[in-house]
Amino acid sequence: MKYAQEGWAIDSGQYQKNTGGLPKWYTDRPTPRRGEDFFIGAFWELSTTRTFGQVIGPIPWNRIVEYGYHKGLEPDMIGVLELVVRELDECWLEQQRNAQGTG
């Protein structure tokens, strides 16, 4: 299984065979809880709908709602999807601003 951090990638089987162990950043990584992969996947898919220009725009609200209906979510879960995607989006946008020196 491959996993990467800060530009380093590991094929865990080969790395372990070569070194006899795995680095701490690999073994101590968080394990996603059930359902988290859905929200993270949704965030990355929805990231393709944002506007790019002189500034990077947030993911549009209507795209989040459309995505939720497309995936067959109940209306109350679409609200949860919106909250989670908004939180992820704010973190991502802040990282982008900091990387560009505008944050």
PDB file of N, CA and C in Angstrom:
ATOM      1  N   MET A   1       0.848  -1.179   0.000  1.00  0.00           N
ATOM      2  CA  MET A   1       0.000   0.000   0.000  1.00  0.00           C
ATOM      3  C   MET A   1       0.886   1.231   0.000  1.00  0.00           C
ATOM      4  N   LYS A   2       0.557   2.204  -0.855  1.00  0.00           N
ATOM      5  CA  LYS A   2       1.348   3.428  -0.920  1.00  0.00           C
ATOM      6  C   LYS A   2       0.700   4.512  -0.064  1.00  0.00           C
ATOM      7  N   TYR A   3       1.540   5.282   0.570  1.00  0.00           N
ATOM      8  CA  TYR A   3       1.089   6.404   1.388  1.00  0.00           C
ATOM      9  C   TYR A   3       2.155   7.482   1.269  1.00  0.00           C
ATOM     10  N   ALA A   4       1.740   8.745   1.209  1.00  0.00           N
ATOM     11  CA  ALA A   4       2.702   9.828   1.012  1.00  0.00           C
ATOM     12  C   ALA A   4       2.522  10.921   2.039  1.00  0.00           C
ATOM     13  N   GLN A   5       3.621  11.602   2.320  1.00  0.00           N
ATOM     14  CA  GLN A   5       3.589  12.771   3.202  1.00  0.00           C
ATOM     15  C   GLN A   5       4.732  13.678   2.809  1.00  0.00           C
ATOM     16  N   GLU A   6       4.435  14.965   2.657  1.00  0.00           N
ATOM     17  CA  GLU A   6       5.440  15.985   2.389  1.00  0.00           C
ATOM     18  C   GLU A   6       6.418  15.562   1.304  1.00  0.00           C
ATOM     19  N   GLY A   7       5.894  15.028   0.211  1.00  0.00           N
ATOM     20  CA  GLY A   7       6.739  14.678  -0.910  1.00  0.00           C
ATOM     21  C   GLY A   7       7.391  13.310  -0.828  1.00  0.00           C
ATOM     22  N   TRP A   8       7.180  12.586   0.259  1.00  0.00           N
ATOM     23  CA  TRP A   8       7.749  11.252   0.396  1.00  0.00           C
ATOM     24  C   TRP A   8       6.640  10.222   0.233  1.00  0.00           C
ATOM     25  N   ALA A   9       6.895   9.214  -0.558  1.00  0.00           N
ATOM     26  CA  ALA A   9       5.923   8.139  -0.750  1.00  0.00           C
ATOM     27  C   ALA A   9       6.548   6.830  -0.296  1.00  0.00           C
ATOM     28  N   ILE A  10       5.693   5.964   0.210  1.00  0.00           N
ATOM     29  CA  ILE A  10       6.172   4.670   0.699  1.00  0.00           C
ATOM     30  C   ILE A  10       5.306   3.569   0.137  1.00  0.00           C
ATOM     31  N   ASP A  11       5.943   2.564  -0.404  1.00  0.00           N
ATOM     32  CA  ASP A  11       5.285   1.298  -0.676  1.00  0.00           C
ATOM     33  C   ASP A  11       5.627   0.480   0.566  1.00  0.00           C
ATOM     34  N   SER A  12       4.674   0.344   1.484  1.00  0.00           N
ATOM     35  CA  SER A  12       4.964  -0.178   2.819  1.00  0.00           C
ATOM     36  C   SER A  12       5.652  -1.540   2.798  1.00  0.00           C
ATOM     37  N   GLY A  13       5.252  -2.411   1.892  1.00  0.00           N
ATOM     38  CA  GLY A  13       5.873  -3.738   1.837  1.00  0.00           C
ATOM     39  C   GLY A  13       7.335  -3.664   1.456  1.00  0.00           C
ATOM     40  N   GLN A  14       7.647  -2.901   0.417  1.00  0.00           N
ATOM     41  CA  GLN A  14       9.026  -2.788  -0.047  1.00  0.00           C
ATOM     42  C   GLN A  14       9.885  -2.050   0.966  1.00  0.00           C
ATOM     43  N   TYR A  15       9.372  -0.961   1.520  1.00  0.00           N
ATOM     44  CA  TYR A  15      10.127  -0.179   2.504  1.00  0.00           C
ATOM     45  C   TYR A  15      10.457  -1.034   3.723  1.00  0.00           C
ATOM     46  N   GLN A  16       9.474  -1.777   4.193  1.00  0.00           N
ATOM     47  CA  GLN A  16       9.673  -2.614   5.367  1.00  0.00           C
ATOM     48  C   GLN A  16      10.692  -3.716   5.065  1.00  0.00           C
ATOM     49  N   LYS A  17      10.632  -4.265   3.874  1.00  0.00           N
ATOM     50  CA  LYS A  17      11.578  -5.303   3.462  1.00  0.00           C
ATOM     51  C   LYS A  17      12.992  -4.739   3.440  1.00  0.00           C
ATOM     52  N   ASN A  18      13.135  -3.497   2.940  1.00  0.00           N
ATOM     53  CA  ASN A  18      14.461  -2.885   2.816  1.00  0.00           C
ATOM     54  C   ASN A  18      15.022  -2.381   4.136  1.00  0.00           C
ATOM     55  N   THR A  19      14.171  -1.893   5.029  1.00  0.00           N
ATOM     56  CA  THR A  19      14.669  -1.244   6.252  1.00  0.00           C
ATOM     57  C   THR A  19      14.355  -2.006   7.532  1.00  0.00           C
ATOM     58  N   GLY A  20      13.434  -2.949   7.457  1.00  0.00           N
ATOM     59  CA  GLY A  20      13.062  -3.694   8.659  1.00  0.00           C
ATOM     60  C   GLY A  20      12.011  -2.994   9.500  1.00  0.00           C
ATOM     61  N   GLY A  21      11.537  -1.871   9.060  1.00  0.00           N
ATOM     62  CA  GLY A  21      10.505  -1.145   9.811  1.00  0.00           C
ATOM     63  C   GLY A  21       9.901  -0.045   8.957  1.00  0.00           C
ATOM     64  N   LEU A  22       8.962   0.664   9.536  1.00  0.00           N
ATOM     65  CA  LEU A  22       8.300   1.760   8.845  1.00  0.00           C
ATOM     66  C   LEU A  22       8.521   3.050   9.623  1.00  0.00           C
ATOM     67  N   PRO A  23       8.579   4.202   8.934  1.00  0.00           N
ATOM     68  CA  PRO A  23       8.789   5.462   9.656  1.00  0.00           C
ATOM     69  C   PRO A  23       7.593   5.816  10.537  1.00  0.00           C
ATOM     70  N   LYS A  24       7.866   6.576  11.578  1.00  0.00           N
ATOM     71  CA  LYS A  24       6.836   6.946  12.545  1.00  0.00           C
ATOM     72  C   LYS A  24       5.676   7.695  11.885  1.00  0.00           C
ATOM     73  N   TRP A  25       5.956   8.596  10.925  1.00  0.00           N
ATOM     74  CA  TRP A  25       4.872   9.343  10.287  1.00  0.00           C
ATOM     75  C   TRP A  25       3.940   8.417   9.524  1.00  0.00           C
ATOM     76  N   TYR A  26       4.428   7.255   9.114  1.00  0.00           N
ATOM     77  CA  TYR A  26       3.584   6.302   8.394  1.00  0.00           C
ATOM     78  C   TYR A  26       2.730   5.484   9.363  1.00  0.00           C
ATOM     79  N   THR A  27       3.339   5.017  10.432  1.00  0.00           N
ATOM     80  CA  THR A  27       2.609   4.155  11.369  1.00  0.00           C
ATOM     81  C   THR A  27       1.671   4.936  12.276  1.00  0.00           C
ATOM     82  N   ASP A  28       1.940   6.220  12.493  1.00  0.00           N
ATOM     83  CA  ASP A  28       1.112   7.022  13.394  1.00  0.00           C
ATOM     84  C   ASP A  28       0.055   7.851  12.670  1.00  0.00           C
ATOM     85  N   ARG A  29      -0.149   7.623  11.379  1.00  0.00           N
ATOM     86  CA  ARG A  29      -1.139   8.414  10.643  1.00  0.00           C
ATOM     87  C   ARG A  29      -2.547   8.077  11.141  1.00  0.00           C
ATOM     88  N   PRO A  30      -3.444   9.056  11.093  1.00  0.00           N
ATOM     89  CA  PRO A  30      -4.800   8.801  11.569  1.00  0.00           C
ATOM     90  C   PRO A  30      -5.539   7.806  10.663  1.00  0.00           C
ATOM     91  N   THR A  31      -6.368   6.998  11.265  1.00  0.00           N
ATOM     92  CA  THR A  31      -7.193   6.063  10.514  1.00  0.00           C
ATOM     93  C   THR A  31      -8.560   6.691  10.306  1.00  0.00           C
ATOM     94  N   PRO A  32      -8.983   6.850   9.050  1.00  0.00           N
ATOM     95  CA  PRO A  32     -10.306   7.457   8.825  1.00  0.00           C
ATOM     96  C   PRO A  32     -11.413   6.625   9.460  1.00  0.00           C
ATOM     97  N   ARG A  33     -12.366   7.309  10.062  1.00  0.00           N
ATOM     98  CA  ARG A  33     -13.523   6.622  10.619  1.00  0.00           C
ATOM     99  C   ARG A  33     -14.524   6.362   9.511  1.00  0.00           C
ATOM    100  N   ARG A  34     -15.416   5.443   9.768  1.00  0.00           N
ATOM    101  CA  ARG A  34     -16.418   5.070   8.775  1.00  0.00           C
ATOM    102  C   ARG A  34     -17.179   6.319   8.315  1.00  0.00           C
ATOM    103  N   GLY A  35     -17.265   6.523   7.030  1.00  0.00           N
ATOM    104  CA  GLY A  35     -17.985   7.655   6.467  1.00  0.00           C
ATOM    105  C   GLY A  35     -17.107   8.845   6.131  1.00  0.00           C
ATOM    106  N   GLU A  36     -15.955   8.960   6.803  1.00  0.00           N
ATOM    107  CA  GLU A  36     -15.094  10.101   6.526  1.00  0.00           C
ATOM    108  C   GLU A  36     -14.619  10.101   5.077  1.00  0.00           C
ATOM    109  N   ASP A  37     -14.372   8.918   4.538  1.00  0.00           N
ATOM    110  CA  ASP A  37     -13.891   8.848   3.161  1.00  0.00           C
ATOM    111  C   ASP A  37     -14.928   9.406   2.184  1.00  0.00           C
ATOM    112  N   PHE A  38     -16.219   9.269   2.497  1.00  0.00           N
ATOM    113  CA  PHE A  38     -17.257   9.850   1.641  1.00  0.00           C
ATOM    114  C   PHE A  38     -17.132  11.367   1.605  1.00  0.00           C
ATOM    115  N   PHE A  39     -16.996  11.984   2.783  1.00  0.00           N
ATOM    116  CA  PHE A  39     -16.920  13.442   2.855  1.00  0.00           C
ATOM    117  C   PHE A  39     -15.632  13.971   2.222  1.00  0.00           C
ATOM    118  N   ILE A  40     -14.535  13.280   2.447  1.00  0.00           N
ATOM    119  CA  ILE A  40     -13.271  13.717   1.860  1.00  0.00           C
ATOM    120  C   ILE A  40     -13.323  13.573   0.342  1.00  0.00           C
ATOM    121  N   GLY A  41     -13.870  12.464  -0.131  1.00  0.00           N
ATOM    122  CA  GLY A  41     -14.032  12.277  -1.574  1.00  0.00           C
ATOM    123  C   GLY A  41     -14.942  13.333  -2.173  1.00  0.00           C
ATOM    124  N   ALA A  42     -16.036  13.649  -1.470  1.00  0.00           N
ATOM    125  CA  ALA A  42     -16.963  14.678  -1.947  1.00  0.00           C
ATOM    126  C   ALA A  42     -16.251  16.024  -2.040  1.00  0.00           C
ATOM    127  N   PHE A  43     -15.458  16.347  -1.021  1.00  0.00           N
ATOM    128  CA  PHE A  43     -14.730  17.614  -1.038  1.00  0.00           C
ATOM    129  C   PHE A  43     -13.835  17.707  -2.268  1.00  0.00           C
ATOM    130  N   TRP A  44     -13.054  16.662  -2.547  1.00  0.00           N
ATOM    131  CA  TRP A  44     -12.140  16.720  -3.683  1.00  0.00           C
ATOM    132  C   TRP A  44     -12.887  16.749  -5.009  1.00  0.00           C
ATOM    133  N   GLU A  45     -13.977  16.013  -5.113  1.00  0.00           N
ATOM    134  CA  GLU A  45     -14.773  16.072  -6.346  1.00  0.00           C
ATOM    135  C   GLU A  45     -15.381  17.466  -6.527  1.00  0.00           C
ATOM    136  N   LEU A  46     -15.910  18.017  -5.443  1.00  0.00           N
ATOM    137  CA  LEU A  46     -16.532  19.330  -5.512  1.00  0.00           C
ATOM    138  C   LEU A  46     -15.513  20.451  -5.706  1.00  0.00           C
ATOM    139  N   SER A  47     -14.266  20.215  -5.353  1.00  0.00           N
ATOM    140  CA  SER A  47     -13.228  21.228  -5.547  1.00  0.00           C
ATOM    141  C   SER A  47     -13.056  21.588  -7.010  1.00  0.00           C
ATOM    142  N   THR A  48     -13.444  20.682  -7.890  1.00  0.00           N
ATOM    143  CA  THR A  48     -13.324  20.963  -9.322  1.00  0.00           C
ATOM    144  C   THR A  48     -14.362  21.974  -9.788  1.00  0.00           C
ATOM    145  N   THR A  49     -15.346  22.304  -8.947  1.00  0.00           N
ATOM    146  CA  THR A  49     -16.401  23.232  -9.351  1.00  0.00           C
ATOM    147  C   THR A  49     -16.137  24.667  -8.905  1.00  0.00           C
ATOM    148  N   ARG A  50     -15.050  24.884  -8.167  1.00  0.00           N
ATOM    149  CA  ARG A  50     -14.763  26.239  -7.684  1.00  0.00           C
ATOM    150  C   ARG A  50     -14.258  27.114  -8.817  1.00  0.00           C
ATOM    151  N   THR A  51     -14.332  28.420  -8.634  1.00  0.00           N
ATOM    152  CA  THR A  51     -13.832  29.348  -9.636  1.00  0.00           C
ATOM    153  C   THR A  51     -12.378  29.689  -9.321  1.00  0.00           C
ATOM    154  N   PHE A  52     -11.621  29.842 -10.381  1.00  0.00           N
ATOM    155  CA  PHE A  52     -10.221  30.239 -10.255  1.00  0.00           C
ATOM    156  C   PHE A  52     -10.040  31.522 -11.041  1.00  0.00           C
ATOM    157  N   GLY A  53      -9.335  32.435 -10.490  1.00  0.00           N
ATOM    158  CA  GLY A  53      -9.049  33.712 -11.128  1.00  0.00           C
ATOM    159  C   GLY A  53      -7.902  34.334 -10.373  1.00  0.00           C
ATOM    160  N   GLN A  54      -8.013  35.628 -10.073  1.00  0.00           N
ATOM    161  CA  GLN A  54      -6.979  36.255  -9.255  1.00  0.00           C
ATOM    162  C   GLN A  54      -7.014  35.703  -7.837  1.00  0.00           C
ATOM    163  N   VAL A  55      -8.187  35.268  -7.410  1.00  0.00           N
ATOM    164  CA  VAL A  55      -8.323  34.574  -6.128  1.00  0.00           C
ATOM    165  C   VAL A  55      -9.075  33.271  -6.378  1.00  0.00           C
ATOM    166  N   ILE A  56      -8.825  32.305  -5.526  1.00  0.00           N
ATOM    167  CA  ILE A  56      -9.513  31.018  -5.630  1.00  0.00           C
ATOM    168  C   ILE A  56     -10.818  31.130  -4.857  1.00  0.00           C
ATOM    169  N   GLY A  57     -11.915  30.817  -5.510  1.00  0.00           N
ATOM    170  CA  GLY A  57     -13.218  30.924  -4.875  1.00  0.00           C
ATOM    171  C   GLY A  57     -13.591  29.673  -4.089  1.00  0.00           C
ATOM    172  N   PRO A  58     -14.569  29.805  -3.210  1.00  0.00           N
ATOM    173  CA  PRO A  58     -15.054  28.652  -2.460  1.00  0.00           C
ATOM    174  C   PRO A  58     -15.887  27.731  -3.352  1.00  0.00           C
ATOM    175  N   ILE A  59     -16.130  26.537  -2.875  1.00  0.00           N
ATOM    176  CA  ILE A  59     -17.005  25.611  -3.587  1.00  0.00           C
ATOM    177  C   ILE A  59     -18.420  26.192  -3.540  1.00  0.00           C
ATOM    178  N   PRO A  60     -19.083  26.312  -4.686  1.00  0.00           N
ATOM    179  CA  PRO A  60     -20.429  26.890  -4.704  1.00  0.00           C
ATOM    180  C   PRO A  60     -21.445  26.039  -3.935  1.00  0.00           C
ATOM    181  N   TRP A  61     -22.310  26.712  -3.188  1.00  0.00           N
ATOM    182  CA  TRP A  61     -23.330  26.041  -2.382  1.00  0.00           C
ATOM    183  C   TRP A  61     -24.206  25.134  -3.232  1.00  0.00           C
ATOM    184  N   ASN A  62     -24.662  25.627  -4.393  1.00  0.00           N
ATOM    185  CA  ASN A  62     -25.565  24.828  -5.214  1.00  0.00           C
ATOM    186  C   ASN A  62     -24.906  23.543  -5.699  1.00  0.00           C
ATOM    187  N   ARG A  63     -23.595  23.549  -5.886  1.00  0.00           N
ATOM    188  CA  ARG A  63     -22.895  22.332  -6.319  1.00  0.00           C
ATOM    189  C   ARG A  63     -22.866  21.290  -5.202  1.00  0.00           C
ATOM    190  N   ILE A  64     -22.754  21.750  -3.970  1.00  0.00           N
ATOM    191  CA  ILE A  64     -22.776  20.825  -2.832  1.00  0.00           C
ATOM    192  C   ILE A  64     -24.143  20.158  -2.737  1.00  0.00           C
ATOM    193  N   VAL A  65     -25.195  20.956  -2.855  1.00  0.00           N
ATOM    194  CA  VAL A  65     -26.560  20.432  -2.778  1.00  0.00           C
ATOM    195  C   VAL A  65     -26.828  19.462  -3.934  1.00  0.00           C
ATOM    196  N   GLU A  66     -26.442  19.847  -5.154  1.00  0.00           N
ATOM    197  CA  GLU A  66     -26.620  18.966  -6.308  1.00  0.00           C
ATOM    198  C   GLU A  66     -25.874  17.653  -6.115  1.00  0.00           C
ATOM    199  N   TYR A  67     -24.676  17.730  -5.589  1.00  0.00           N
ATOM    200  CA  TYR A  67     -23.873  16.535  -5.340  1.00  0.00           C
ATOM    201  C   TYR A  67     -24.585  15.614  -4.354  1.00  0.00           C
ATOM    202  N   GLY A  68     -25.117  16.203  -3.286  1.00  0.00           N
ATOM    203  CA  GLY A  68     -25.839  15.415  -2.291  1.00  0.00           C
ATOM    204  C   GLY A  68     -27.032  14.694  -2.886  1.00  0.00           C
ATOM    205  N   TYR A  69     -27.814  15.389  -3.685  1.00  0.00           N
ATOM    206  CA  TYR A  69     -28.966  14.745  -4.334  1.00  0.00           C
ATOM    207  C   TYR A  69     -28.511  13.684  -5.329  1.00  0.00           C
ATOM    208  N   HIS A  70     -27.449  13.969  -6.063  1.00  0.00           N
ATOM    209  CA  HIS A  70     -26.916  13.004  -7.025  1.00  0.00           C
ATOM    210  C   HIS A  70     -26.486  11.712  -6.323  1.00  0.00           C
ATOM    211  N   LYS A  71     -25.939  11.839  -5.132  1.00  0.00           N
ATOM    212  CA  LYS A  71     -25.492  10.673  -4.362  1.00  0.00           C
ATOM    213  C   LYS A  71     -26.630  10.008  -3.593  1.00  0.00           C
ATOM    214  N   GLY A  72     -27.844  10.566  -3.690  1.00  0.00           N
ATOM    215  CA  GLY A  72     -28.996   9.951  -3.046  1.00  0.00           C
ATOM    216  C   GLY A  72     -29.127  10.230  -1.559  1.00  0.00           C
ATOM    217  N   LEU A  73     -28.539  11.324  -1.098  1.00  0.00           N
ATOM    218  CA  LEU A  73     -28.631  11.659   0.326  1.00  0.00           C
ATOM    219  C   LEU A  73     -30.008  12.229   0.658  1.00  0.00           C
ATOM    220  N   GLU A  74     -30.439  11.960   1.874  1.00  0.00           N
ATOM    221  CA  GLU A  74     -31.662  12.570   2.397  1.00  0.00           C
ATOM    222  C   GLU A  74     -31.385  14.052   2.658  1.00  0.00           C
ATOM    223  N   PRO A  75     -32.428  14.897   2.634  1.00  0.00           N
ATOM    224  CA  PRO A  75     -32.211  16.341   2.828  1.00  0.00           C
ATOM    225  C   PRO A  75     -31.431  16.694   4.096  1.00  0.00           C
ATOM    226  N   ASP A  76     -31.682  16.004   5.222  1.00  0.00           N
ATOM    227  CA  ASP A  76     -30.936  16.350   6.437  1.00  0.00           C
ATOM    228  C   ASP A  76     -29.456  15.992   6.311  1.00  0.00           C
ATOM    229  N   MET A  77     -29.138  14.947   5.552  1.00  0.00           N
ATOM    230  CA  MET A  77     -27.737  14.590   5.347  1.00  0.00           C
ATOM    231  C   MET A  77     -27.055  15.536   4.355  1.00  0.00           C
ATOM    232  N   ILE A  78     -27.840  16.130   3.480  1.00  0.00           N
ATOM    233  CA  ILE A  78     -27.265  17.133   2.581  1.00  0.00           C
ATOM    234  C   ILE A  78     -26.803  18.327   3.399  1.00  0.00           C
ATOM    235  N   GLY A  79     -27.553  18.668   4.452  1.00  0.00           N
ATOM    236  CA  GLY A  79     -27.127  19.726   5.364  1.00  0.00           C
ATOM    237  C   GLY A  79     -25.818  19.382   6.054  1.00  0.00           C
ATOM    238  N   VAL A  80     -25.660  18.134   6.450  1.00  0.00           N
ATOM    239  CA  VAL A  80     -24.406  17.685   7.073  1.00  0.00           C
ATOM    240  C   VAL A  80     -23.276  17.766   6.050  1.00  0.00           C
ATOM    241  N   LEU A  81     -23.554  17.303   4.827  1.00  0.00           N
ATOM    242  CA  LEU A  81     -22.556  17.377   3.763  1.00  0.00           C
ATOM    243  C   LEU A  81     -22.102  18.818   3.561  1.00  0.00           C
ATOM    244  N   GLU A  82     -23.052  19.731   3.531  1.00  0.00           N
ATOM    245  CA  GLU A  82     -22.710  21.139   3.348  1.00  0.00           C
ATOM    246  C   GLU A  82     -21.796  21.643   4.463  1.00  0.00           C
ATOM    247  N   LEU A  83     -22.123  21.314   5.707  1.00  0.00           N
ATOM    248  CA  LEU A  83     -21.296  21.757   6.837  1.00  0.00           C
ATOM    249  C   LEU A  83     -19.882  21.192   6.764  1.00  0.00           C
ATOM    250  N   VAL A  84     -19.775  19.905   6.464  1.00  0.00           N
ATOM    251  CA  VAL A  84     -18.461  19.263   6.417  1.00  0.00           C
ATOM    252  C   VAL A  84     -17.636  19.813   5.259  1.00  0.00           C
ATOM    253  N   VAL A  85     -18.234  19.925   4.087  1.00  0.00           N
ATOM    254  CA  VAL A  85     -17.504  20.438   2.927  1.00  0.00           C
ATOM    255  C   VAL A  85     -17.082  21.886   3.170  1.00  0.00           C
ATOM    256  N   ARG A  86     -17.937  22.690   3.786  1.00  0.00           N
ATOM    257  CA  ARG A  86     -17.585  24.086   4.089  1.00  0.00           C
ATOM    258  C   ARG A  86     -16.366  24.152   5.020  1.00  0.00           C
ATOM    259  N   GLU A  87     -16.352  23.300   6.054  1.00  0.00           N
ATOM    260  CA  GLU A  87     -15.220  23.288   6.987  1.00  0.00           C
ATOM    261  C   GLU A  87     -13.929  22.891   6.268  1.00  0.00           C
ATOM    262  N   LEU A  88     -14.000  21.825   5.470  1.00  0.00           N
ATOM    263  CA  LEU A  88     -12.828  21.394   4.712  1.00  0.00           C
ATOM    264  C   LEU A  88     -12.382  22.478   3.742  1.00  0.00           C
ATOM    265  N   ASP A  89     -13.353  23.119   3.099  1.00  0.00           N
ATOM    266  CA  ASP A  89     -13.053  24.155   2.123  1.00  0.00           C
ATOM    267  C   ASP A  89     -12.371  25.347   2.779  1.00  0.00           C
ATOM    268  N   GLU A  90     -12.851  25.755   3.933  1.00  0.00           N
ATOM    269  CA  GLU A  90     -12.224  26.882   4.635  1.00  0.00           C
ATOM    270  C   GLU A  90     -10.772  26.567   4.986  1.00  0.00           C
ATOM    271  N   CYS A  91     -10.513  25.359   5.458  1.00  0.00           N
ATOM    272  CA  CYS A  91      -9.136  24.959   5.779  1.00  0.00           C
ATOM    273  C   CYS A  91      -8.273  24.960   4.527  1.00  0.00           C
ATOM    274  N   TRP A  92      -8.796  24.408   3.447  1.00  0.00           N
ATOM    275  CA  TRP A  92      -8.045  24.328   2.197  1.00  0.00           C
ATOM    276  C   TRP A  92      -7.767  25.724   1.653  1.00  0.00           C
ATOM    277  N   LEU A  93      -8.779  26.581   1.655  1.00  0.00           N
ATOM    278  CA  LEU A  93      -8.591  27.950   1.157  1.00  0.00           C
ATOM    279  C   LEU A  93      -7.556  28.709   1.987  1.00  0.00           C
ATOM    280  N   GLU A  94      -7.588  28.519   3.293  1.00  0.00           N
ATOM    281  CA  GLU A  94      -6.602  29.169   4.157  1.00  0.00           C
ATOM    282  C   GLU A  94      -5.203  28.693   3.829  1.00  0.00           C
ATOM    283  N   GLN A  95      -5.026  27.390   3.615  1.00  0.00           N
ATOM    284  CA  GLN A  95      -3.721  26.874   3.225  1.00  0.00           C
ATOM    285  C   GLN A  95      -3.251  27.478   1.911  1.00  0.00           C
ATOM    286  N   GLN A  96      -4.163  27.619   0.966  1.00  0.00           N
ATOM    287  CA  GLN A  96      -3.820  28.204  -0.332  1.00  0.00           C
ATOM    288  C   GLN A  96      -3.405  29.668  -0.174  1.00  0.00           C
ATOM    289  N   ARG A  97      -4.145  30.406   0.649  1.00  0.00           N
ATOM    290  CA  ARG A  97      -3.789  31.816   0.879  1.00  0.00           C
ATOM    291  C   ARG A  97      -2.414  31.924   1.536  1.00  0.00           C
ATOM    292  N   ASN A  98      -2.160  31.077   2.510  1.00  0.00           N
ATOM    293  CA  ASN A  98      -0.853  31.103   3.191  1.00  0.00           C
ATOM    294  C   ASN A  98       0.270  30.733   2.239  1.00  0.00           C
ATOM    295  N   ALA A  99       0.035  29.760   1.377  1.00  0.00           N
ATOM    296  CA  ALA A  99       1.049  29.339   0.406  1.00  0.00           C
ATOM    297  C   ALA A  99       1.359  30.446  -0.591  1.00  0.00           C
ATOM    298  N   GLN A 100       0.352  31.265  -0.891  1.00  0.00           N
ATOM    299  CA  GLN A 100       0.532  32.364  -1.837  1.00  0.00           C
ATOM    300  C   GLN A 100       0.995  33.645  -1.151  1.00  0.00           C
ATOM    301  N   GLY A 101       1.072  33.604   0.179  1.00  0.00           N
ATOM    302  CA  GLY A 101       1.492  34.784   0.924  1.00  0.00           C
ATOM    303  C   GLY A 101       0.423  35.855   1.046  1.00  0.00           C
ATOM    304  N   THR A 102      -0.848  35.463   0.842  1.00  0.00           N
ATOM    305  CA  THR A 102      -1.935  36.438   0.938  1.00  0.00           C
ATOM    306  C   THR A 102      -2.807  36.197   2.160  1.00  0.00           C
ATOM    307  N   GLY A 103      -2.415  35.268   3.022  1.00  0.00           N
ATOM    308  CA  GLY A 103      -3.265  34.888   4.150  1.00  0.00           C
ATOM    309  C   GLY A 103      -2.902  35.476   5.444  1.00  0.00           C
TER     310      GLY A 103
END
